[in-house]
PDB file of N, CA and C in Angstrom:
ATOM      1  N   UNK A   1      96.871 120.394  80.859  1.00  0.00           N
ATOM      2  CA  UNK A   1      97.937 119.472  80.492  1.00  0.00           C
ATOM      3  C   UNK A   1      97.746 119.088  79.034  1.00  0.00           C
ATOM      4  N   UNK A   2      98.774 119.294  78.256  1.00  0.00           N
ATOM      5  CA  UNK A   2      98.723 118.926  76.850  1.00  0.00           C
ATOM      6  C   UNK A   2      99.159 117.477  76.707  1.00  0.00           C
ATOM      7  N   UNK A   3      98.357 116.698  76.035  1.00  0.00           N
ATOM      8  CA  UNK A   3      98.660 115.273  75.884  1.00  0.00           C
ATOM      9  C   UNK A   3      98.609 114.928  74.401  1.00  0.00           C
ATOM     10  N   UNK A   4      99.535 114.082  73.970  1.00  0.00           N
ATOM     11  CA  UNK A   4      99.588 113.665  72.583  1.00  0.00           C
ATOM     12  C   UNK A   4      98.311 112.925  72.204  1.00  0.00           C
ATOM     13  N   UNK A   5      97.801 113.204  71.020  1.00  0.00           N
ATOM     14  CA  UNK A   5      96.599 112.544  70.529  1.00  0.00           C
ATOM     15  C   UNK A   5      96.938 111.103  70.164  1.00  0.00           C
ATOM     16  N   UNK A   6      96.252 110.149  70.786  1.00  0.00           N
ATOM     17  CA  UNK A   6      96.557 108.739  70.546  1.00  0.00           C
ATOM     18  C   UNK A   6      95.511 108.050  69.674  1.00  0.00           C
ATOM     19  N   UNK A   7      94.491 108.776  69.265  1.00  0.00           N
ATOM     20  CA  UNK A   7      93.498 108.177  68.379  1.00  0.00           C
ATOM     21  C   UNK A   7      93.644 108.773  66.987  1.00  0.00           C
ATOM     22  N   UNK A   8      93.158 108.044  66.021  1.00  0.00           N
ATOM     23  CA  UNK A   8      93.182 108.522  64.643  1.00  0.00           C
ATOM     24  C   UNK A   8      91.741 108.739  64.196  1.00  0.00           C
ATOM     25  N   UNK A   9      91.577 109.376  63.077  1.00  0.00           N
ATOM     26  CA  UNK A   9      90.235 109.566  62.510  1.00  0.00           C
ATOM     27  C   UNK A   9      89.581 108.201  62.307  1.00  0.00           C
ATOM     28  N   UNK A  10      90.371 107.229  61.878  1.00  0.00           N
ATOM     29  CA  UNK A  10      89.842 105.879  61.628  1.00  0.00           C
ATOM     30  C   UNK A  10      89.304 105.245  62.913  1.00  0.00           C
ATOM     31  N   UNK A  11      90.044 105.348  64.027  1.00  0.00           N
ATOM     32  CA  UNK A  11      89.570 104.750  65.277  1.00  0.00           C
ATOM     33  C   UNK A  11      88.371 105.511  65.822  1.00  0.00           C
ATOM     34  N   UNK A  12      88.332 106.817  65.628  1.00  0.00           N
ATOM     35  CA  UNK A  12      87.180 107.600  66.074  1.00  0.00           C
ATOM     36  C   UNK A  12      85.926 107.208  65.298  1.00  0.00           C
ATOM     37  N   UNK A  13      86.053 107.002  64.001  1.00  0.00           N
ATOM     38  CA  UNK A  13      84.907 106.584  63.185  1.00  0.00           C
ATOM     39  C   UNK A  13      84.435 105.192  63.590  1.00  0.00           C
ATOM     40  N   UNK A  14      85.369 104.291  63.849  1.00  0.00           N
ATOM     41  CA  UNK A  14      85.009 102.932  64.262  1.00  0.00           C
ATOM     42  C   UNK A  14      84.252 102.966  65.583  1.00  0.00           C
ATOM     43  N   UNK A  15      84.707 103.788  66.511  1.00  0.00           N
ATOM     44  CA  UNK A  15      84.030 103.927  67.803  1.00  0.00           C
ATOM     45  C   UNK A  15      82.617 104.471  67.600  1.00  0.00           C
ATOM     46  N   UNK A  16      82.491 105.470  66.760  1.00  0.00           N
ATOM     47  CA  UNK A  16      81.182 106.071  66.489  1.00  0.00           C
ATOM     48  C   UNK A  16      80.231 105.042  65.877  1.00  0.00           C
ATOM     49  N   UNK A  17      80.717 104.231  64.957  1.00  0.00           N
ATOM     50  CA  UNK A  17      79.872 103.241  64.282  1.00  0.00           C
ATOM     51  C   UNK A  17      79.427 102.110  65.205  1.00  0.00           C
ATOM     52  N   UNK A  18      80.189 101.818  66.272  1.00  0.00           N
ATOM     53  CA  UNK A  18      79.824 100.759  67.215  1.00  0.00           C
ATOM     54  C   UNK A  18      78.739 101.197  68.189  1.00  0.00           C
ATOM     55  N   UNK A  19      78.521 102.473  68.318  1.00  0.00           N
ATOM     56  CA  UNK A  19      77.582 102.981  69.319  1.00  0.00           C
ATOM     57  C   UNK A  19      76.147 102.605  69.000  1.00  0.00           C
ATOM     58  N   UNK A  20      75.447 102.203  70.059  1.00  0.00           N
ATOM     59  CA  UNK A  20      74.035 101.846  69.925  1.00  0.00           C
ATOM     60  C   UNK A  20      73.142 102.998  70.386  1.00  0.00           C
ATOM     61  N   UNK A  21      73.724 103.953  71.112  1.00  0.00           N
ATOM     62  CA  UNK A  21      72.964 105.105  71.593  1.00  0.00           C
ATOM     63  C   UNK A  21      73.785 106.369  71.390  1.00  0.00           C
ATOM     64  N   UNK A  22      73.138 107.494  71.516  1.00  0.00           N
ATOM     65  CA  UNK A  22      73.780 108.789  71.318  1.00  0.00           C
ATOM     66  C   UNK A  22      74.797 109.063  72.423  1.00  0.00           C
ATOM     67  N   UNK A  23      75.946 109.586  72.040  1.00  0.00           N
ATOM     68  CA  UNK A  23      76.978 109.948  73.016  1.00  0.00           C
ATOM     69  C   UNK A  23      76.623 111.309  73.606  1.00  0.00           C
ATOM     70  N   UNK A  24      76.232 111.311  74.882  1.00  0.00           N
ATOM     71  CA  UNK A  24      75.787 112.560  75.513  1.00  0.00           C
ATOM     72  C   UNK A  24      76.824 113.160  76.448  1.00  0.00           C
ATOM     73  N   UNK A  25      77.903 112.434  76.733  1.00  0.00           N
ATOM     74  CA  UNK A  25      78.931 112.935  77.644  1.00  0.00           C
ATOM     75  C   UNK A  25      80.137 113.390  76.822  1.00  0.00           C
ATOM     76  N   UNK A  26      80.448 114.678  76.918  1.00  0.00           N
ATOM     77  CA  UNK A  26      81.502 115.288  76.108  1.00  0.00           C
ATOM     78  C   UNK A  26      82.678 115.677  76.995  1.00  0.00           C
ATOM     79  N   UNK A  27      83.875 115.382  76.543  1.00  0.00           N
ATOM     80  CA  UNK A  27      85.077 115.748  77.291  1.00  0.00           C
ATOM     81  C   UNK A  27      85.189 117.273  77.340  1.00  0.00           C
ATOM     82  N   UNK A  28      85.369 117.840  78.547  1.00  0.00           N
ATOM     83  CA  UNK A  28      85.449 119.294  78.684  1.00  0.00           C
ATOM     84  C   UNK A  28      86.828 119.875  78.374  1.00  0.00           C
ATOM     85  N   UNK A  29      87.808 119.038  78.093  1.00  0.00           N
ATOM     86  CA  UNK A  29      89.160 119.529  77.825  1.00  0.00           C
ATOM     87  C   UNK A  29      89.186 120.194  76.450  1.00  0.00           C
ATOM     88  N   UNK A  30      89.618 121.455  76.386  1.00  0.00           N
ATOM     89  CA  UNK A  30      89.652 122.173  75.107  1.00  0.00           C
ATOM     90  C   UNK A  30      90.469 121.425  74.048  1.00  0.00           C
ATOM     91  N   UNK A  31      89.880 121.285  72.871  1.00  0.00           N
ATOM     92  CA  UNK A  31      90.558 120.645  71.760  1.00  0.00           C
ATOM     93  C   UNK A  31      90.456 119.133  71.719  1.00  0.00           C
ATOM     94  N   UNK A  32      89.873 118.514  72.735  1.00  0.00           N
ATOM     95  CA  UNK A  32      89.792 117.052  72.763  1.00  0.00           C
ATOM     96  C   UNK A  32      88.649 116.565  71.872  1.00  0.00           C
ATOM     97  N   UNK A  33      87.429 116.917  72.219  1.00  0.00           N
ATOM     98  CA  UNK A  33      86.285 116.540  71.403  1.00  0.00           C
ATOM     99  C   UNK A  33      85.797 115.110  71.561  1.00  0.00           C
ATOM    100  N   UNK A  34      86.367 114.335  72.467  1.00  0.00           N
ATOM    101  CA  UNK A  34      85.909 112.957  72.667  1.00  0.00           C
ATOM    102  C   UNK A  34      84.524 112.946  73.302  1.00  0.00           C
ATOM    103  N   UNK A  35      83.698 111.994  72.872  1.00  0.00           N
ATOM    104  CA  UNK A  35      82.352 111.853  73.414  1.00  0.00           C
ATOM    105  C   UNK A  35      82.149 110.422  73.886  1.00  0.00           C
ATOM    106  N   UNK A  36      81.239 110.264  74.854  1.00  0.00           N
ATOM    107  CA  UNK A  36      81.012 108.964  75.471  1.00  0.00           C
ATOM    108  C   UNK A  36      79.530 108.754  75.723  1.00  0.00           C
ATOM    109  N   UNK A  37      79.122 107.489  75.730  1.00  0.00           N
ATOM    110  CA  UNK A  37      77.725 107.159  76.003  1.00  0.00           C
ATOM    111  C   UNK A  37      77.481 106.959  77.493  1.00  0.00           C
ATOM    112  N   UNK A  38      78.551 106.811  78.277  1.00  0.00           N
ATOM    113  CA  UNK A  38      78.419 106.614  79.731  1.00  0.00           C
ATOM    114  C   UNK A  38      79.334 107.573  80.482  1.00  0.00           C
ATOM    115  N   UNK A  39      78.832 108.100  81.601  1.00  0.00           N
ATOM    116  CA  UNK A  39      79.638 109.016  82.414  1.00  0.00           C
ATOM    117  C   UNK A  39      80.860 108.296  82.980  1.00  0.00           C
ATOM    118  N   UNK A  40      80.711 107.002  83.249  1.00  0.00           N
ATOM    119  CA  UNK A  40      81.808 106.187  83.760  1.00  0.00           C
ATOM    120  C   UNK A  40      83.016 106.253  82.824  1.00  0.00           C
ATOM    121  N   UNK A  41      82.776 106.140  81.523  1.00  0.00           N
ATOM    122  CA  UNK A  41      83.860 106.180  80.547  1.00  0.00           C
ATOM    123  C   UNK A  41      84.473 107.570  80.444  1.00  0.00           C
ATOM    124  N   UNK A  42      83.653 108.601  80.567  1.00  0.00           N
ATOM    125  CA  UNK A  42      84.171 109.970  80.555  1.00  0.00           C
ATOM    126  C   UNK A  42      85.093 110.203  81.747  1.00  0.00           C
ATOM    127  N   UNK A  43      84.711 109.704  82.919  1.00  0.00           N
ATOM    128  CA  UNK A  43      85.543 109.881  84.124  1.00  0.00           C
ATOM    129  C   UNK A  43      86.920 109.253  83.936  1.00  0.00           C
ATOM    130  N   UNK A  44      86.968 108.053  83.391  1.00  0.00           N
ATOM    131  CA  UNK A  44      88.253 107.402  83.125  1.00  0.00           C
ATOM    132  C   UNK A  44      89.071 108.169  82.103  1.00  0.00           C
ATOM    133  N   UNK A  45      88.406 108.709  81.100  1.00  0.00           N
ATOM    134  CA  UNK A  45      89.070 109.492  80.063  1.00  0.00           C
ATOM    135  C   UNK A  45      89.683 110.762  80.658  1.00  0.00           C
ATOM    136  N   UNK A  46      88.947 111.428  81.527  1.00  0.00           N
ATOM    137  CA  UNK A  46      89.446 112.655  82.158  1.00  0.00           C
ATOM    138  C   UNK A  46      90.655 112.344  83.040  1.00  0.00           C
ATOM    139  N   UNK A  47      90.644 111.190  83.710  1.00  0.00           N
ATOM    140  CA  UNK A  47      91.820 110.797  84.501  1.00  0.00           C
ATOM    141  C   UNK A  47      93.047 110.680  83.606  1.00  0.00           C
ATOM    142  N   UNK A  48      92.874 110.238  82.376  1.00  0.00           N
ATOM    143  CA  UNK A  48      94.001 110.148  81.441  1.00  0.00           C
ATOM    144  C   UNK A  48      94.548 111.534  81.123  1.00  0.00           C
ATOM    145  N   UNK A  49      93.661 112.499  80.899  1.00  0.00           N
ATOM    146  CA  UNK A  49      94.103 113.875  80.640  1.00  0.00           C
ATOM    147  C   UNK A  49      94.891 114.425  81.821  1.00  0.00           C
ATOM    148  N   UNK A  50      94.413 114.142  83.026  1.00  0.00           N
ATOM    149  CA  UNK A  50      95.044 114.671  84.242  1.00  0.00           C
ATOM    150  C   UNK A  50      96.230 113.830  84.704  1.00  0.00           C
ATOM    151  N   UNK A  51      96.515 112.779  83.946  1.00  0.00           N
ATOM    152  CA  UNK A  51      97.592 111.841  84.273  1.00  0.00           C
ATOM    153  C   UNK A  51      97.428 111.229  85.659  1.00  0.00           C
ATOM    154  N   UNK A  52      96.159 111.017  86.061  1.00  0.00           N
ATOM    155  CA  UNK A  52      95.853 110.322  87.316  1.00  0.00           C
ATOM    156  C   UNK A  52      95.897 108.825  87.038  1.00  0.00           C
ATOM    157  N   UNK A  53      96.577 108.096  87.877  1.00  0.00           N
ATOM    158  CA  UNK A  53      96.702 106.656  87.714  1.00  0.00           C
ATOM    159  C   UNK A  53      96.433 105.969  89.057  1.00  0.00           C
ATOM    160  N   UNK A  54      95.157 105.949  89.485  1.00  0.00           N
ATOM    161  CA  UNK A  54      94.834 105.397  90.802  1.00  0.00           C
ATOM    162  C   UNK A  54      94.851 103.868  90.878  1.00  0.00           C
ATOM    163  N   UNK A  55      94.831 103.191  89.739  1.00  0.00           N
ATOM    164  CA  UNK A  55      94.804 101.727  89.731  1.00  0.00           C
ATOM    165  C   UNK A  55      96.223 101.206  89.506  1.00  0.00           C
ATOM    166  N   UNK A  56      96.811 100.638  90.570  1.00  0.00           N
ATOM    167  CA  UNK A  56      98.200 100.189  90.521  1.00  0.00           C
ATOM    168  C   UNK A  56      98.297  98.678  90.359  1.00  0.00           C
ATOM    169  N   UNK A  57      99.250  98.247  89.535  1.00  0.00           N
ATOM    170  CA  UNK A  57      99.513  96.824  89.347  1.00  0.00           C
ATOM    171  C   UNK A  57      99.948  96.227  90.679  1.00  0.00           C
ATOM    172  N   UNK A  58      99.335  95.097  91.040  1.00  0.00           N
ATOM    173  CA  UNK A  58      99.620  94.446  92.320  1.00  0.00           C
ATOM    174  C   UNK A  58     100.796  93.469  92.243  1.00  0.00           C
ATOM    175  N   UNK A  59     101.359  93.285  91.071  1.00  0.00           N
ATOM    176  CA  UNK A  59     102.473  92.359  90.923  1.00  0.00           C
ATOM    177  C   UNK A  59     103.684  92.914  91.670  1.00  0.00           C
ATOM    178  N   UNK A  60     104.343  92.094  92.495  1.00  0.00           N
ATOM    179  CA  UNK A  60     105.490  92.572  93.281  1.00  0.00           C
ATOM    180  C   UNK A  60     106.577  93.205  92.405  1.00  0.00           C
ATOM    181  N   UNK A  61     106.931  94.434  92.754  1.00  0.00           N
ATOM    182  CA  UNK A  61     107.991  95.133  92.039  1.00  0.00           C
ATOM    183  C   UNK A  61     107.553  95.892  90.807  1.00  0.00           C
ATOM    184  N   UNK A  62     106.291  95.775  90.401  1.00  0.00           N
ATOM    185  CA  UNK A  62     105.837  96.473  89.194  1.00  0.00           C
ATOM    186  C   UNK A  62     105.348  97.876  89.547  1.00  0.00           C
ATOM    187  N   UNK A  63     104.185  97.961  90.165  1.00  0.00           N
ATOM    188  CA  UNK A  63     103.654  99.247  90.592  1.00  0.00           C
ATOM    189  C   UNK A  63     103.222 100.186  89.480  1.00  0.00           C
ATOM    190  N   UNK A  64     103.102  99.707  88.250  1.00  0.00           N
ATOM    191  CA  UNK A  64     102.659 100.547  87.143  1.00  0.00           C
ATOM    192  C   UNK A  64     101.227 100.994  87.397  1.00  0.00           C
ATOM    193  N   UNK A  65     100.920 102.256  87.078  1.00  0.00           N
ATOM    194  CA  UNK A  65      99.598 102.796  87.339  1.00  0.00           C
ATOM    195  C   UNK A  65      98.767 102.987  86.078  1.00  0.00           C
ATOM    196  N   UNK A  66      97.439 102.957  86.260  1.00  0.00           N
ATOM    197  CA  UNK A  66      96.510 103.074  85.138  1.00  0.00           C
ATOM    198  C   UNK A  66      95.339 103.971  85.503  1.00  0.00           C
ATOM    199  N   UNK A  67      94.801 104.660  84.518  1.00  0.00           N
ATOM    200  CA  UNK A  67      93.649 105.535  84.721  1.00  0.00           C
ATOM    201  C   UNK A  67      92.358 104.727  84.810  1.00  0.00           C
ATOM    202  N   UNK A  68      92.343 103.560  84.163  1.00  0.00           N
ATOM    203  CA  UNK A  68      91.139 102.729  84.136  1.00  0.00           C
ATOM    204  C   UNK A  68      91.438 101.355  84.730  1.00  0.00           C
ATOM    205  N   UNK A  69      90.499 100.868  85.543  1.00  0.00           N
ATOM    206  CA  UNK A  69      90.701  99.592  86.224  1.00  0.00           C
ATOM    207  C   UNK A  69      90.855  98.440  85.237  1.00  0.00           C
ATOM    208  N   UNK A  70      90.066  98.445  84.163  1.00  0.00           N
ATOM    209  CA  UNK A  70      90.150  97.322  83.221  1.00  0.00           C
ATOM    210  C   UNK A  70      91.505  97.287  82.511  1.00  0.00           C
ATOM    211  N   UNK A  71      92.130  98.454  82.314  1.00  0.00           N
ATOM    212  CA  UNK A  71      93.468  98.470  81.718  1.00  0.00           C
ATOM    213  C   UNK A  71      94.492  97.873  82.677  1.00  0.00           C
ATOM    214  N   UNK A  72      94.320  98.143  83.974  1.00  0.00           N
ATOM    215  CA  UNK A  72      95.210  97.582  84.990  1.00  0.00           C
ATOM    216  C   UNK A  72      95.079  96.059  85.030  1.00  0.00           C
ATOM    217  N   UNK A  73      93.850  95.569  85.012  1.00  0.00           N
ATOM    218  CA  UNK A  73      93.625  94.118  85.061  1.00  0.00           C
ATOM    219  C   UNK A  73      94.226  93.434  83.832  1.00  0.00           C
ATOM    220  N   UNK A  74      94.078  94.053  82.668  1.00  0.00           N
ATOM    221  CA  UNK A  74      94.652  93.489  81.441  1.00  0.00           C
ATOM    222  C   UNK A  74      96.182  93.442  81.554  1.00  0.00           C
ATOM    223  N   UNK A  75      96.766  94.509  82.093  1.00  0.00           N
ATOM    224  CA  UNK A  75      98.213  94.552  82.285  1.00  0.00           C
ATOM    225  C   UNK A  75      98.670  93.450  83.243  1.00  0.00           C
ATOM    226  N   UNK A  76      97.950  93.271  84.349  1.00  0.00           N
ATOM    227  CA  UNK A  76      98.328  92.253  85.337  1.00  0.00           C
ATOM    228  C   UNK A  76      98.353  90.857  84.725  1.00  0.00           C
ATOM    229  N   UNK A  77      97.520  90.614  83.736  1.00  0.00           N
ATOM    230  CA  UNK A  77      97.509  89.312  83.069  1.00  0.00           C
ATOM    231  C   UNK A  77      98.817  89.049  82.330  1.00  0.00           C
ATOM    232  N   UNK A  78      99.506  90.106  81.921  1.00  0.00           N
ATOM    233  CA  UNK A  78     100.798  89.925  81.260  1.00  0.00           C
ATOM    234  C   UNK A  78     101.794  89.252  82.203  1.00  0.00           C
ATOM    235  N   UNK A  79     101.692  89.566  83.489  1.00  0.00           N
ATOM    236  CA  UNK A  79     102.593  88.973  84.473  1.00  0.00           C
ATOM    237  C   UNK A  79     102.275  87.494  84.707  1.00  0.00           C
ATOM    238  N   UNK A  80     101.008  87.121  84.654  1.00  0.00           N
ATOM    239  CA  UNK A  80     100.605  85.759  85.009  1.00  0.00           C
ATOM    240  C   UNK A  80     100.515  84.807  83.822  1.00  0.00           C
ATOM    241  N   UNK A  81     100.401  85.312  82.616  1.00  0.00           N
ATOM    242  CA  UNK A  81     100.302  84.456  81.426  1.00  0.00           C
ATOM    243  C   UNK A  81     101.683  84.221  80.822  1.00  0.00           C
ATOM    244  N   UNK A  82     102.569  83.704  81.618  1.00  0.00           N
ATOM    245  CA  UNK A  82     103.936  83.439  81.173  1.00  0.00           C
ATOM    246  C   UNK A  82     103.937  82.317  80.146  1.00  0.00           C
ATOM    247  N   UNK A  83     104.638  82.526  79.045  1.00  0.00           N
ATOM    248  CA  UNK A  83     104.746  81.499  78.014  1.00  0.00           C
ATOM    249  C   UNK A  83     106.216  81.131  77.852  1.00  0.00           C
ATOM    250  N   UNK A  84     106.517  79.888  78.097  1.00  0.00           N
ATOM    251  CA  UNK A  84     107.905  79.422  77.988  1.00  0.00           C
ATOM    252  C   UNK A  84     108.349  79.420  76.530  1.00  0.00           C
ATOM    253  N   UNK A  85     109.606  79.717  76.329  1.00  0.00           N
ATOM    254  CA  UNK A  85     110.175  79.717  74.984  1.00  0.00           C
ATOM    255  C   UNK A  85     111.154  78.553  74.885  1.00  0.00           C
ATOM    256  N   UNK A  86     110.982  77.712  73.879  1.00  0.00           N
ATOM    257  CA  UNK A  86     111.889  76.582  73.677  1.00  0.00           C
ATOM    258  C   UNK A  86     113.197  77.082  73.065  1.00  0.00           C
ATOM    259  N   UNK A  87     114.288  76.511  73.544  1.00  0.00           N
ATOM    260  CA  UNK A  87     115.597  76.900  73.005  1.00  0.00           C
ATOM    261  C   UNK A  87     116.256  75.767  72.277  1.00  0.00           C
TER     262      UNK A  87
END
């Protein structure tokens, strides 16, 4: 599955500079080149390539899916952090 590249050289460098240990887990998808320090992060990344979205938003009527659980939880907060707008 061909997927649009969503990172830039700048974000890749920033990620590399934040690392405290060597990235030993390499994405096996040809042309990707992403590396990770934890297998857990590689698994979530591979789900993105495969367009697997096992984590579904629990908000009634939404049902949006995510490859990573933390992305789903962050999305769900959008539903609950309602901010009133004064008119």
